[in-house]
Amino acid sequence: MQPTAEDTAWTIEPMNIPPGRYFARMARPNHQHPGDFPTPFYRGLDFAHEQASASIQIAMLADRLRTCFQVVGPSEPNFGVFGGEFRNILLLAATEVEAQWKGILRANHYQAHLPNPRWSTNDYFKLEAALRLADYAIEFPEYPWIKAIAPFNGWLGANPTESIEWYAAYNAVKHDREQHGNRATLIRALEAVAAVVVVGVAQFGIEFVRRAARWRDLFQINQYPRWSIGDTHGPIFVEGDEFAGEAIDYPF
């Protein structure tokens, strides 16, 4: 028996992103495919330089990891191995994540009234809900025995610095290498680089990985957020809207 119109359930959701608008440096799925990977809603070459720069940084980090893997096999028994190059990777990856966080906040005019804001993880944590960073996980196709890593899983606003282990290790090593150098382990380096990939995809969409010839074989998306249709990018359909296609600020 075919369902009738009376049997059909409809869900009405408010549009949290106005038609024809997008949040700067925040990728969301298209409204026609809300379950798909996030895609950017940019016109022309908006943020093209930032995207290319982020990809170059990941390529450099991937090269460093591959060099390390020639000495220390990337398998769970070796995850606790620490050393100078893992420290370098951890520091470079974590500072790149911070740079990306700052760029996203600036693009959305967060605290624009402050001439020289000194942001902390209390500010950066606000990006978790905006980008749903905890819902991403990265897998390593060249090393399928490594379990997928979700670098922002467990990130807590009550303790934003210590609640994700790779960032806590970075913070400790940065301030006191002699005392905390043993926290710069293989697994923390992997997690930190995975975090850079996550932040890149959350900003620039799945094409950020697909176009990255130098590192896409090392990192792939294993999990990604599923947005409600009200949080997706809608079409430009308001006739005469002179601001259609323009970015709006995320309401932090």
Protein backbone atom coordinates (compact mmCIF):
# COMPACT_ATOMS: atom_id res chain seq x y z
CA MET A 1 0.00 0.00 0.00
CA GLN A 2 1.43 3.39 -1.01
CA PRO A 3 1.66 6.09 1.68
CA THR A 4 -0.74 8.97 1.30
CA ALA A 5 -0.04 12.65 1.84
CA GLU A 6 -1.63 12.33 5.28
CA ASP A 7 0.95 9.69 6.24
CA THR A 8 3.93 11.87 5.35
CA ALA A 9 5.71 13.54 8.25
CA TRP A 10 7.23 16.93 7.61
CA THR A 11 9.89 18.66 9.67
CA ILE A 12 10.22 22.42 9.47
CA GLU A 13 13.54 23.88 10.58
CA PRO A 14 14.59 27.52 10.86
CA MET A 15 17.34 28.65 8.50
CA ASN A 16 20.26 29.61 10.72
CA ILE A 17 22.19 30.81 7.67
CA PRO A 18 20.24 33.26 5.49
CA PRO A 19 19.79 32.34 1.82
CA GLY A 20 22.81 33.18 -0.26
CA ARG A 21 25.05 33.78 2.76
CA TYR A 22 27.82 31.84 4.47
CA PHE A 23 30.01 32.11 7.54
CA ALA A 24 33.53 33.09 6.56
CA ARG A 25 36.01 30.18 6.61
CA MET A 26 33.34 27.73 7.77
CA ALA A 27 32.36 24.96 5.37
CA ARG A 28 28.89 23.42 5.47
CA PRO A 29 27.07 20.99 3.18
CA ASN A 30 24.80 22.25 0.42
CA HIS A 31 21.14 22.33 1.45
CA GLN A 32 20.29 19.81 -1.28
CA HIS A 33 22.68 17.25 0.20
CA PRO A 34 22.75 17.91 3.96
CA GLY A 35 24.40 14.57 4.74
CA ASP A 36 27.35 15.13 2.44
CA PHE A 37 30.84 16.37 3.19
CA PRO A 38 31.07 20.10 3.93
CA THR A 39 31.81 22.35 0.99
CA PRO A 40 32.76 26.05 0.91
CA PHE A 41 30.28 28.65 -0.26
CA TYR A 42 32.79 31.18 -1.49
CA ARG A 43 32.71 33.35 -4.56
CA GLY A 44 35.74 33.53 -6.78
CA LEU A 45 39.02 33.17 -4.92
CA ASP A 46 37.88 34.09 -1.40
CA PHE A 47 40.46 32.73 1.08
CA ALA A 48 42.37 30.97 -1.71
CA HIS A 49 45.71 32.15 -0.30
CA GLU A 50 44.85 30.91 3.20
CA GLN A 51 43.76 27.55 1.81
CA ALA A 52 46.93 27.09 -0.24
CA SER A 53 49.10 28.12 2.71
CA ALA A 54 47.37 25.63 5.02
CA SER A 55 47.85 22.82 2.51
CA ILE A 56 51.55 23.63 2.12
CA GLN A 57 51.99 23.41 5.89
CA ILE A 58 50.33 19.99 5.99
CA ALA A 59 52.52 18.79 3.13
CA MET A 60 55.61 19.82 5.07
CA LEU A 61 54.36 18.07 8.21
CA ALA A 62 53.51 14.94 6.20
CA ASP A 63 57.07 14.85 4.81
CA ARG A 64 58.47 15.06 8.34
CA LEU A 65 56.20 12.26 9.55
CA ARG A 66 57.19 9.99 6.68
CA THR A 67 60.85 10.57 7.48
CA CYS A 68 60.21 9.62 11.10
CA PHE A 69 58.37 6.50 10.01
CA GLN A 70 61.57 5.28 8.33
CA VAL A 71 63.08 5.05 11.80
CA VAL A 72 60.11 4.42 14.10
CA GLY A 73 57.32 2.29 12.69
CA PRO A 74 53.92 3.98 13.03
CA SER A 75 52.24 1.28 15.09
CA GLU A 76 50.63 1.26 18.51
CA PRO A 77 53.59 -0.32 20.38
CA ASN A 78 55.66 2.69 19.32
CA PHE A 79 53.11 5.39 20.11
CA GLY A 80 54.91 6.34 23.32
CA VAL A 81 58.30 6.86 21.63
CA PHE A 82 59.45 10.45 22.02
CA GLY A 83 62.24 12.50 20.54
CA GLY A 84 63.38 15.78 19.07
CA GLU A 85 61.72 15.42 15.67
CA PHE A 86 58.38 14.42 17.17
CA ARG A 87 58.72 17.53 19.33
CA ASN A 88 59.32 19.65 16.23
CA ILE A 89 56.29 18.18 14.48
CA LEU A 90 54.11 18.67 17.56
CA LEU A 91 55.17 22.31 17.94
CA LEU A 92 54.79 23.14 14.25
CA ALA A 93 51.40 21.42 13.94
CA ALA A 94 49.93 22.94 17.11
CA THR A 95 51.08 26.45 16.23
CA GLU A 96 49.56 25.99 12.77
CA VAL A 97 46.25 25.01 14.37
CA GLU A 98 46.42 28.15 16.51
CA ALA A 99 47.14 30.27 13.43
CA GLN A 100 44.12 28.78 11.68
CA TRP A 101 41.92 29.37 14.73
CA LYS A 102 42.99 33.02 14.81
CA GLY A 103 42.32 33.39 11.10
CA ILE A 104 38.78 32.06 11.45
CA LEU A 105 38.04 34.34 14.39
CA ARG A 106 39.41 37.36 12.52
CA ALA A 107 37.42 36.50 9.37
CA ASN A 108 34.26 36.56 11.48
CA HIS A 109 35.26 39.81 13.22
CA TYR A 110 35.39 38.19 16.63
CA GLN A 111 36.22 40.88 19.19
CA ALA A 112 36.99 43.27 16.34
CA HIS A 113 36.62 46.17 18.77
CA LEU A 114 39.87 45.10 20.46
CA PRO A 115 42.94 46.49 18.63
CA ASN A 116 45.29 43.70 19.78
CA PRO A 117 43.26 40.85 21.24
CA ARG A 118 45.14 38.19 23.22
CA TRP A 119 43.05 35.11 22.57
CA SER A 120 43.36 31.92 24.59
CA THR A 121 41.89 28.44 24.35
CA ASN A 122 38.78 29.85 26.03
CA ASP A 123 38.23 31.83 22.83
CA TYR A 124 39.37 29.07 20.47
CA PHE A 125 36.97 26.61 22.08
CA LYS A 126 34.06 28.63 20.68
CA LEU A 127 35.05 27.30 17.26
CA GLU A 128 34.19 23.76 18.31
CA ALA A 129 30.45 24.35 18.09
CA ALA A 130 30.80 26.57 15.02
CA LEU A 131 32.79 23.95 13.09
CA ARG A 132 31.90 20.80 15.07
CA LEU A 133 35.55 19.85 15.20
CA ALA A 134 34.97 16.97 17.62
CA ASP A 135 32.89 15.15 14.99
CA TYR A 136 35.83 14.74 12.60
CA ALA A 137 38.21 11.79 12.53
CA ILE A 138 41.25 11.20 10.32
CA GLU A 139 42.44 7.87 8.98
CA PHE A 140 45.79 6.94 7.46
CA PRO A 141 45.33 4.92 4.24
CA GLU A 142 49.04 4.10 3.93
CA TYR A 143 48.97 2.65 7.48
CA PRO A 144 45.52 1.02 7.81
CA TRP A 145 46.39 -0.59 11.15
CA ILE A 146 46.39 2.85 12.81
CA LYS A 147 42.97 3.53 14.27
CA ALA A 148 41.23 6.67 13.05
CA ILE A 149 42.15 9.69 15.17
CA ALA A 150 39.59 12.27 16.31
CA PRO A 151 41.95 15.00 17.57
CA PHE A 152 39.21 17.18 19.10
CA ASN A 153 37.20 14.41 20.71
CA GLY A 154 36.65 15.23 24.38
CA TRP A 155 37.47 18.93 24.06
CA LEU A 156 35.83 20.63 27.05
CA GLY A 157 35.08 24.29 27.55
CA ALA A 158 35.66 23.91 31.28
CA ASN A 159 39.28 22.90 30.61
CA PRO A 160 40.09 23.81 27.01
CA THR A 161 43.88 23.53 27.27
CA GLU A 162 44.27 20.21 29.06
CA SER A 163 41.22 18.29 27.81
CA ILE A 164 42.81 17.37 24.45
CA GLU A 165 46.06 15.51 25.05
CA TRP A 166 48.05 16.64 22.01
CA TYR A 167 47.42 20.29 22.84
CA ALA A 168 48.23 19.77 26.51
CA ALA A 169 51.50 18.08 25.48
CA TYR A 170 52.31 20.94 23.10
CA ASN A 171 51.67 23.50 25.82
CA ALA A 172 53.89 21.64 28.30
CA VAL A 173 56.75 21.04 25.85
CA LYS A 174 56.62 24.61 24.55
CA HIS A 175 57.13 26.05 28.02
CA ASP A 176 59.65 23.53 29.39
CA ARG A 177 61.34 21.14 26.98
CA GLU A 178 63.75 19.75 29.59
CA GLN A 179 61.01 18.88 32.04
CA HIS A 180 58.32 17.73 29.61
CA GLY A 181 60.18 16.65 26.48
CA ASN A 182 59.01 13.06 26.98
CA ARG A 183 55.46 14.19 26.20
CA ALA A 184 56.42 14.85 22.58
CA THR A 185 55.57 11.33 21.47
CA LEU A 186 54.72 9.77 18.13
CA ILE A 187 51.01 9.61 18.94
CA ARG A 188 50.86 13.25 20.04
CA ALA A 189 52.60 14.28 16.80
CA LEU A 190 50.08 12.25 14.79
CA GLU A 191 47.16 13.78 16.68
CA ALA A 192 48.46 17.31 16.20
CA VAL A 193 48.92 16.88 12.46
CA ALA A 194 45.47 15.28 12.23
CA ALA A 195 44.14 18.38 13.98
CA VAL A 196 45.62 20.60 11.25
CA VAL A 197 43.85 18.49 8.61
CA VAL A 198 40.54 18.67 10.51
CA VAL A 199 40.69 22.45 10.86
CA GLY A 200 41.50 22.75 7.16
CA VAL A 201 38.55 20.60 6.06
CA ALA A 202 36.20 22.33 8.51
CA GLN A 203 37.10 25.65 6.82
CA PHE A 204 37.56 24.75 3.19
CA GLY A 205 35.53 21.58 2.69
CA ILE A 206 36.35 18.13 1.38
CA GLU A 207 38.05 19.54 -1.73
CA PHE A 208 40.82 20.70 0.59
CA VAL A 209 41.88 17.03 0.83
CA ARG A 210 40.99 15.95 -2.69
CA ARG A 211 43.18 18.61 -4.28
CA ALA A 212 46.16 17.97 -2.03
CA ALA A 213 48.32 15.77 -4.25
CA ARG A 214 51.29 15.88 -1.85
CA TRP A 215 49.54 14.57 1.26
CA ARG A 216 46.07 13.15 0.48
CA ASP A 217 47.46 9.59 0.43
CA LEU A 218 48.53 9.98 4.05
CA PHE A 219 45.39 11.62 5.50
CA GLN A 220 41.75 10.98 4.66
CA ILE A 221 38.46 11.86 6.36
CA ASN A 222 37.04 8.95 8.32
CA GLN A 223 34.20 10.80 10.09
CA TYR A 224 32.63 14.20 9.61
CA PRO A 225 29.70 16.10 11.15
CA ARG A 226 26.12 15.74 9.92
CA TRP A 227 24.48 19.13 9.94
CA SER A 228 20.76 19.82 10.18
CA ILE A 229 19.33 21.29 7.01
CA GLY A 230 18.86 24.61 8.79
CA ASP A 231 22.64 24.87 9.18
CA THR A 232 23.51 24.17 5.54
CA HIS A 233 24.23 26.57 2.70
CA GLY A 234 21.11 27.59 0.83
CA PRO A 235 20.81 28.87 -2.72
CA ILE A 236 20.81 32.48 -3.80
CA PHE A 237 17.15 32.92 -4.60
CA VAL A 238 16.13 36.28 -3.14
CA GLU A 239 15.59 38.48 -6.19
CA GLY A 240 17.29 41.83 -5.97
CA ASP A 241 19.41 40.91 -2.94
CA GLU A 242 22.55 42.96 -3.58
CA PHE A 243 24.44 41.18 -0.80
CA ALA A 244 23.75 37.66 -2.06
CA GLY A 245 26.89 35.54 -1.92
CA GLU A 246 28.52 37.67 0.77
CA ALA A 247 29.92 36.33 4.03
CA ILE A 248 28.29 37.06 7.36
CA ASP A 249 29.82 36.82 10.81
CA TYR A 250 29.23 33.73 12.88
CA PRO A 251 27.24 34.66 16.03
CA PHE A 252 29.74 33.62 18.70
